[in-house]
C-alpha atoms as a PDB file:
ATOM      1  CA  MET A   1     150.184  49.322  98.013  1.00  0.00           C
ATOM      2  CA  ASP A   2     149.861  48.569  94.302  1.00  0.00           C
ATOM      3  CA  ALA A   3     151.669  51.819  93.509  1.00  0.00           C
ATOM      4  CA  ALA A   4     154.455  50.975  95.973  1.00  0.00           C
ATOM      5  CA  ALA A   5     154.820  47.488  94.487  1.00  0.00           C
ATOM      6  CA  SER A   6     155.160  48.940  91.000  1.00  0.00           C
ATOM      7  CA  GLY A   7     158.150  51.022  92.022  1.00  0.00           C
ATOM      8  CA  ASP A   8     156.845  53.951  89.956  1.00  0.00           C
ATOM      9  CA  SER A   9     157.634  57.104  91.975  1.00  0.00           C
ATOM     10  CA  GLN A  10     154.984  59.153  90.138  1.00  0.00           C
ATOM     11  CA  ALA A  11     152.325  56.521  90.803  1.00  0.00           C
ATOM     12  CA  ILE A  12     153.342  56.376  94.468  1.00  0.00           C
ATOM     13  CA  LEU A  13     153.059  60.173  94.773  1.00  0.00           C
ATOM     14  CA  GLU A  14     149.642  60.245  93.099  1.00  0.00           C
ATOM     15  CA  ALA A  15     148.344  57.369  95.230  1.00  0.00           C
ATOM     16  CA  THR A  16     149.620  59.014  98.407  1.00  0.00           C
ATOM     17  CA  MET A  17     147.954  62.317  97.547  1.00  0.00           C
ATOM     18  CA  ALA A  18     144.696  60.534  96.701  1.00  0.00           C
ATOM     19  CA  LEU A  19     144.791  58.669 100.010  1.00  0.00           C
ATOM     20  CA  GLN A  20     145.508  61.872 101.905  1.00  0.00           C
ATOM     21  CA  GLN A  21     142.609  63.638 100.184  1.00  0.00           C
ATOM     22  CA  LYS A  22     140.269  60.745 100.992  1.00  0.00           C
ATOM     23  CA  LEU A  23     141.354  60.766 104.624  1.00  0.00           C
ATOM     24  CA  MET A  24     140.905  64.540 105.006  1.00  0.00           C
ATOM     25  CA  SER A  25     137.395  64.380 103.532  1.00  0.00           C
ATOM     26  CA  SER A  26     136.273  61.595 105.883  1.00  0.00           C
ATOM     27  CA  ASP A  27     133.955  62.070 108.859  1.00  0.00           C
ATOM     28  CA  VAL A  28     136.533  60.529 111.183  1.00  0.00           C
ATOM     29  CA  TYR A  29     139.170  63.103 110.252  1.00  0.00           C
ATOM     30  CA  SER A  30     136.714  66.010 110.550  1.00  0.00           C
ATOM     31  CA  ILE A  31     135.478  64.877 113.978  1.00  0.00           C
ATOM     32  CA  VAL A  32     138.994  64.318 115.313  1.00  0.00           C
ATOM     33  CA  MET A  33     140.039  67.791 114.145  1.00  0.00           C
ATOM     34  CA  LEU A  34     137.035  69.334 115.903  1.00  0.00           C
ATOM     35  CA  PHE A  35     137.886  67.624 119.181  1.00  0.00           C
ATOM     36  CA  SER A  36     141.555  68.643 118.846  1.00  0.00           C
ATOM     37  CA  ASP A  37     140.499  72.268 119.398  1.00  0.00           C
ATOM     38  CA  ILE A  38     140.211  71.452 123.086  1.00  0.00           C
ATOM     39  CA  MET A  39     143.937  72.263 123.174  1.00  0.00           C
ATOM     40  CA  ILE A  40     143.084  75.925 122.481  1.00  0.00           C
ATOM     41  CA  ILE A  41     140.816  76.003 125.525  1.00  0.00           C
ATOM     42  CA  LEU A  42     143.416  74.293 127.729  1.00  0.00           C
ATOM     43  CA  VAL A  43     146.222  76.636 126.645  1.00  0.00           C
ATOM     44  CA  VAL A  44     144.103  79.745 127.322  1.00  0.00           C
ATOM     45  CA  PHE A  45     142.981  78.353 130.695  1.00  0.00           C
ATOM     46  CA  LEU A  46     146.517  77.503 131.800  1.00  0.00           C
ATOM     47  CA  PHE A  47     147.933  80.804 130.560  1.00  0.00           C
ATOM     48  CA  CYS A  48     145.298  82.818 132.421  1.00  0.00           C
ATOM     49  CA  ARG A  49     145.404  80.795 135.635  1.00  0.00           C
ATOM     50  CA  LEU A  50     149.134  80.090 135.974  1.00  0.00           C
ATOM     51  CA  LEU A  51     150.750  83.150 134.402  1.00  0.00           C
ATOM     52  CA  GLN A  52     148.179  85.920 134.672  1.00  0.00           C
ATOM     53  CA  LYS A  53     146.536  84.637 137.885  1.00  0.00           C
ATOM     54  CA  ARG A  54     143.106  85.323 136.411  1.00  0.00           C
ATOM     55  CA  LYS A  55     139.917  83.517 137.336  1.00  0.00           C
ATOM     56  CA  LEU A  56     137.891  81.776 134.649  1.00  0.00           C
ATOM     57  CA  ARG A  57     134.972  84.145 135.111  1.00  0.00           C
ATOM     58  CA  THR A  58     137.137  86.849 133.512  1.00  0.00           C
ATOM     59  CA  LEU A  59     136.852  84.759 130.332  1.00  0.00           C
ATOM     60  CA  GLY A  60     133.076  84.760 130.593  1.00  0.00           C
ATOM     61  CA  PHE A  61     132.643  81.475 132.437  1.00  0.00           C
ATOM     62  CA  VAL A  62     130.113  82.786 134.933  1.00  0.00           C
ATOM     63  CA  LYS A  63     128.092  80.299 136.992  1.00  0.00           C
ATOM     64  CA  LYS A  64     124.783  82.156 136.854  1.00  0.00           C
ATOM     65  CA  ASP A  65     122.152  80.893 134.373  1.00  0.00           C
ATOM     66  CA  ILE A  66     124.490  78.527 132.490  1.00  0.00           C
ATOM     67  CA  LEU A  67     121.697  76.340 131.101  1.00  0.00           C
ATOM     68  CA  LYS A  68     119.537  79.352 130.261  1.00  0.00           C
ATOM     69  CA  GLU A  69     122.341  81.137 128.392  1.00  0.00           C
ATOM     70  CA  TYR A  70     123.373  77.959 126.558  1.00  0.00           C
ATOM     71  CA  GLY A  71     119.789  77.203 125.607  1.00  0.00           C
ATOM     72  CA  ILE A  72     119.189  80.703 124.263  1.00  0.00           C
ATOM     73  CA  GLY A  73     122.394  80.426 122.240  1.00  0.00           C
ATOM     74  CA  ILE A  74     121.291  77.093 120.742  1.00  0.00           C
ATOM     75  CA  LEU A  75     117.874  78.410 119.699  1.00  0.00           C
ATOM     76  CA  ALA A  76     119.287  81.685 118.368  1.00  0.00           C
ATOM     77  CA  GLY A  77     122.020  79.930 116.377  1.00  0.00           C
ATOM     78  CA  PHE A  78     119.544  77.574 114.717  1.00  0.00           C
ATOM     79  CA  ALA A  79     117.054  80.365 114.002  1.00  0.00           C
ATOM     80  CA  PHE A  80     119.627  82.781 112.591  1.00  0.00           C
ATOM     81  CA  PHE A  81     121.184  80.247 110.232  1.00  0.00           C
ATOM     82  CA  SER A  82     117.764  78.972 109.156  1.00  0.00           C
ATOM     83  CA  VAL A  83     116.871  82.533 108.126  1.00  0.00           C
ATOM     84  CA  CYS A  84     120.042  82.634 106.005  1.00  0.00           C
ATOM     85  CA  VAL A  85     119.069  79.341 104.352  1.00  0.00           C
ATOM     86  CA  GLY A  86     115.548  80.614 103.764  1.00  0.00           C
ATOM     87  CA  LEU A  87     116.902  83.711 102.029  1.00  0.00           C
ATOM     88  CA  GLY A  88     119.138  81.504  99.898  1.00  0.00           C
ATOM     89  CA  LEU A  89     116.160  79.371  98.834  1.00  0.00           C
ATOM     90  CA  LEU A  90     114.004  82.412  98.058  1.00  0.00           C
ATOM     91  CA  THR A  91     116.675  84.069  95.921  1.00  0.00           C
ATOM     92  CA  GLY A  92     117.701  80.876  94.126  1.00  0.00           C
ATOM     93  CA  GLY A  93     121.158  80.732  95.672  1.00  0.00           C
ATOM     94  CA  LEU A  94     120.294  77.369  97.248  1.00  0.00           C
ATOM     95  CA  LYS A  95     118.194  74.444  96.056  1.00  0.00           C
ATOM     96  CA  PHE A  96     116.567  71.864  98.341  1.00  0.00           C
ATOM     97  CA  GLY A  97     117.623  68.330  97.439  1.00  0.00           C
ATOM     98  CA  GLY A  98     115.754  66.370 100.093  1.00  0.00           C
ATOM     99  CA  ILE A  99     116.851  64.195 103.000  1.00  0.00           C
ATOM    100  CA  SER A 100     120.253  62.574 102.624  1.00  0.00           C
ATOM    101  CA  PRO A 101     120.039  58.753 102.434  1.00  0.00           C
ATOM    102  CA  GLU A 102     123.464  58.430 104.068  1.00  0.00           C
ATOM    103  CA  PHE A 103     122.604  60.312 107.255  1.00  0.00           C
ATOM    104  CA  SER A 104     123.720  58.643 110.510  1.00  0.00           C
ATOM    105  CA  ILE A 105     122.405  59.880 113.850  1.00  0.00           C
ATOM    106  CA  GLY A 106     125.442  58.419 115.658  1.00  0.00           C
ATOM    107  CA  ILE A 107     127.924  60.371 113.539  1.00  0.00           C
ATOM    108  CA  PHE A 108     125.707  63.448 113.853  1.00  0.00           C
ATOM    109  CA  VAL A 109     125.977  63.254 117.657  1.00  0.00           C
ATOM    110  CA  LEU A 110     129.777  62.972 117.388  1.00  0.00           C
ATOM    111  CA  TYR A 111     129.804  66.073 115.198  1.00  0.00           C
ATOM    112  CA  LEU A 112     127.609  67.843 117.764  1.00  0.00           C
ATOM    113  CA  LEU A 113     130.072  67.064 120.553  1.00  0.00           C
ATOM    114  CA  GLY A 114     132.989  68.061 118.341  1.00  0.00           C
ATOM    115  CA  TYR A 115     131.412  71.384 117.429  1.00  0.00           C
ATOM    116  CA  MET A 116     130.679  72.024 121.104  1.00  0.00           C
ATOM    117  CA  VAL A 117     134.452  71.938 121.602  1.00  0.00           C
ATOM    118  CA  GLN A 118     135.383  73.799 118.406  1.00  0.00           C
ATOM    119  CA  GLY A 119     132.780  76.555 118.728  1.00  0.00           C
ATOM    120  CA  MET A 120     133.623  77.210 122.362  1.00  0.00           C
ATOM    121  CA  ALA A 121     137.369  77.143 121.634  1.00  0.00           C
ATOM    122  CA  GLU A 122     137.136  79.968 119.096  1.00  0.00           C
ATOM    123  CA  GLU A 123     134.922  81.983 121.427  1.00  0.00           C
ATOM    124  CA  VAL A 124     137.261  81.458 124.397  1.00  0.00           C
ATOM    125  CA  LEU A 125     140.229  82.634 122.322  1.00  0.00           C
ATOM    126  CA  CYS A 126     138.630  85.556 120.468  1.00  0.00           C
ATOM    127  CA  ARG A 127     135.901  86.772 122.790  1.00  0.00           C
ATOM    128  CA  GLY A 128     136.764  85.432 126.242  1.00  0.00           C
ATOM    129  CA  TYR A 129     140.500  86.115 126.174  1.00  0.00           C
ATOM    130  CA  PHE A 130     141.325  88.578 123.407  1.00  0.00           C
ATOM    131  CA  LEU A 131     138.275  90.839 123.674  1.00  0.00           C
ATOM    132  CA  GLY A 132     138.359  90.853 127.466  1.00  0.00           C
ATOM    133  CA  SER A 133     142.084  91.548 127.654  1.00  0.00           C
ATOM    134  CA  TYR A 134     142.030  94.246 124.969  1.00  0.00           C
ATOM    135  CA  ALA A 135     139.052  96.014 126.553  1.00  0.00           C
ATOM    136  CA  ARG A 136     141.010  96.406 129.801  1.00  0.00           C
ATOM    137  CA  ARG A 137     143.365  98.851 128.096  1.00  0.00           C
ATOM    138  CA  TYR A 138     141.391 100.263 125.166  1.00  0.00           C
ATOM    139  CA  PRO A 139     137.789 101.300 124.428  1.00  0.00           C
ATOM    140  CA  VAL A 140     135.324  98.444 124.011  1.00  0.00           C
ATOM    141  CA  TYR A 141     134.569  99.365 120.384  1.00  0.00           C
ATOM    142  CA  ALA A 142     138.282  99.035 119.554  1.00  0.00           C
ATOM    143  CA  ALA A 143     138.401  95.645 121.293  1.00  0.00           C
ATOM    144  CA  VAL A 144     135.336  94.498 119.364  1.00  0.00           C
ATOM    145  CA  LEU A 145     136.850  95.489 116.016  1.00  0.00           C
ATOM    146  CA  ALA A 146     140.315  94.098 116.801  1.00  0.00           C
ATOM    147  CA  ASN A 147     139.111  90.666 117.896  1.00  0.00           C
ATOM    148  CA  SER A 148     136.686  90.487 114.961  1.00  0.00           C
ATOM    149  CA  LEU A 149     139.571  91.050 112.553  1.00  0.00           C
ATOM    150  CA  LEU A 150     141.554  88.382 114.416  1.00  0.00           C
ATOM    151  CA  PHE A 151     138.610  85.999 114.087  1.00  0.00           C
ATOM    152  CA  ALA A 152     138.480  86.620 110.330  1.00  0.00           C
ATOM    153  CA  ALA A 153     142.263  86.158 110.041  1.00  0.00           C
ATOM    154  CA  LEU A 154     142.013  82.718 111.657  1.00  0.00           C
ATOM    155  CA  HIS A 155     140.007  81.610 108.602  1.00  0.00           C
ATOM    156  CA  LEU A 156     142.368  82.938 105.922  1.00  0.00           C
ATOM    157  CA  LEU A 157     143.594  79.443 105.010  1.00  0.00           C
ATOM    158  CA  ASN A 158     140.077  78.090 104.519  1.00  0.00           C
ATOM    159  CA  SER A 159     139.222  76.600 101.156  1.00  0.00           C
ATOM    160  CA  GLY A 160     137.335  79.067  98.966  1.00  0.00           C
ATOM    161  CA  ILE A 161     138.258  82.134 101.034  1.00  0.00           C
ATOM    162  CA  SER A 162     137.377  85.442  99.344  1.00  0.00           C
ATOM    163  CA  VAL A 163     137.023  89.141 100.088  1.00  0.00           C
ATOM    164  CA  LEU A 164     133.285  88.681 100.689  1.00  0.00           C
ATOM    165  CA  ALA A 165     134.014  85.789 103.053  1.00  0.00           C
ATOM    166  CA  ILE A 166     136.470  87.938 105.049  1.00  0.00           C
ATOM    167  CA  VAL A 167     133.877  90.719 105.293  1.00  0.00           C
ATOM    168  CA  ASN A 168     131.226  88.272 106.498  1.00  0.00           C
ATOM    169  CA  LEU A 169     133.601  86.649 108.993  1.00  0.00           C
ATOM    170  CA  THR A 170     134.450  90.070 110.388  1.00  0.00           C
ATOM    171  CA  LEU A 171     130.755  90.938 110.659  1.00  0.00           C
ATOM    172  CA  PHE A 172     130.086  87.650 112.450  1.00  0.00           C
ATOM    173  CA  GLY A 173     132.951  88.475 114.815  1.00  0.00           C
ATOM    174  CA  ILE A 174     131.391  91.871 115.562  1.00  0.00           C
ATOM    175  CA  PHE A 175     128.017  90.237 116.189  1.00  0.00           C
ATOM    176  CA  ALA A 176     129.580  87.593 118.468  1.00  0.00           C
ATOM    177  CA  SER A 177     131.482  90.283 120.372  1.00  0.00           C
ATOM    178  CA  LEU A 178     128.371  92.367 120.955  1.00  0.00           C
ATOM    179  CA  TYR A 179     126.454  89.252 122.014  1.00  0.00           C
ATOM    180  CA  PHE A 180     129.217  88.385 124.484  1.00  0.00           C
ATOM    181  CA  VAL A 181     129.379  91.917 125.909  1.00  0.00           C
ATOM    182  CA  ARG A 182     125.594  92.252 126.138  1.00  0.00           C
ATOM    183  CA  ARG A 183     125.012  88.898 127.845  1.00  0.00           C
ATOM    184  CA  GLY A 184     128.151  89.015 130.002  1.00  0.00           C
ATOM    185  CA  SER A 185     128.718  85.283 129.550  1.00  0.00           C
ATOM    186  CA  ILE A 186     130.664  83.011 127.194  1.00  0.00           C
ATOM    187  CA  TRP A 187     128.059  80.224 127.347  1.00  0.00           C
ATOM    188  CA  GLY A 188     125.503  81.785 125.029  1.00  0.00           C
ATOM    189  CA  ILE A 189     127.788  82.780 122.176  1.00  0.00           C
ATOM    190  CA  GLY A 190     129.689  79.505 122.531  1.00  0.00           C
ATOM    191  CA  ALA A 191     126.409  77.628 121.997  1.00  0.00           C
ATOM    192  CA  PHE A 192     125.425  79.966 119.129  1.00  0.00           C
ATOM    193  CA  HIS A 193     128.743  79.327 117.362  1.00  0.00           C
ATOM    194  CA  THR A 194     128.436  75.575 117.911  1.00  0.00           C
ATOM    195  CA  VAL A 195     124.922  75.311 116.501  1.00  0.00           C
ATOM    196  CA  TRP A 196     125.683  77.691 113.623  1.00  0.00           C
ATOM    197  CA  ASN A 197     128.450  75.391 112.368  1.00  0.00           C
ATOM    198  CA  LEU A 198     126.543  72.188 113.134  1.00  0.00           C
ATOM    199  CA  VAL A 199     123.348  73.091 111.279  1.00  0.00           C
ATOM    200  CA  GLN A 200     125.307  74.636 108.429  1.00  0.00           C
ATOM    201  CA  GLY A 201     127.214  71.444 107.721  1.00  0.00           C
ATOM    202  CA  ASN A 202     125.432  68.471 109.253  1.00  0.00           C
ATOM    203  CA  PHE A 203     121.808  69.617 109.121  1.00  0.00           C
ATOM    204  CA  TYR A 204     121.501  71.700 105.949  1.00  0.00           C
ATOM    205  CA  GLY A 205     124.434  70.138 104.107  1.00  0.00           C
ATOM    206  CA  ILE A 206     126.304  73.364 103.278  1.00  0.00           C
ATOM    207  CA  LYS A 207     130.097  73.648 103.301  1.00  0.00           C
ATOM    208  CA  VAL A 208     131.648  74.736 106.601  1.00  0.00           C
ATOM    209  CA  SER A 209     134.795  76.847 106.223  1.00  0.00           C
ATOM    210  CA  GLY A 210     135.025  75.601 102.632  1.00  0.00           C
ATOM    211  CA  MET A 211     134.818  71.911 103.606  1.00  0.00           C
ATOM    212  CA  SER A 212     132.082  69.501 102.537  1.00  0.00           C
ATOM    213  CA  LEU A 213     130.910  67.070 105.224  1.00  0.00           C
ATOM    214  CA  GLY A 214     129.792  63.544 104.446  1.00  0.00           C
ATOM    215  CA  ASN A 215     127.137  63.081 107.119  1.00  0.00           C
ATOM    216  CA  THR A 216     124.309  65.584 106.570  1.00  0.00           C
ATOM    217  CA  PHE A 217     120.578  65.425 107.280  1.00  0.00           C
ATOM    218  CA  LEU A 218     119.502  67.523 104.291  1.00  0.00           C
ATOM    219  CA  THR A 219     121.082  68.355 100.939  1.00  0.00           C
END
């Protein structure tokens, strides 16, 4: 408002950019963006049901052992990422800074719910729809590789993207595809993806897709 009152166009531009940067780095913005991914799930659902006349179980939404599969995914996601953090600490790539004094359990729960939407959305698109559809016409190994490359491509605009990051994203996509095929359900890998992102950002305090989060349990 001060910049606008001054009439200085350069000051207005700088103030606007600073405000935009502050907004995009806020917890509110991050949480809203996570929940907005529900549109991906809705679009895939509607496309499959209305246009392709497919049932949701073809996307991996099987009714058998939902809680069991989701629980296994949660435990596996936390364990796998914790191993990565442990390796980082042992090799000096990470340093433990203690418990964050600004941690809020309420905001953490909102992030959890948001990542439940975001993690499942990416799995529905890449594994449930793309992998399943591709494997109907081509060998499973080709479907696994193709959807893993698609998964990596979805992250090309992330901050700090690099060749190593693309390789790792592709490898994660291959792992998620094999998990999905082996378990025959979307619930487990959806939970794995959710917890992976949640503990990375809001538990261990590491950047998620190049973004720093304000509300973290550890630093």
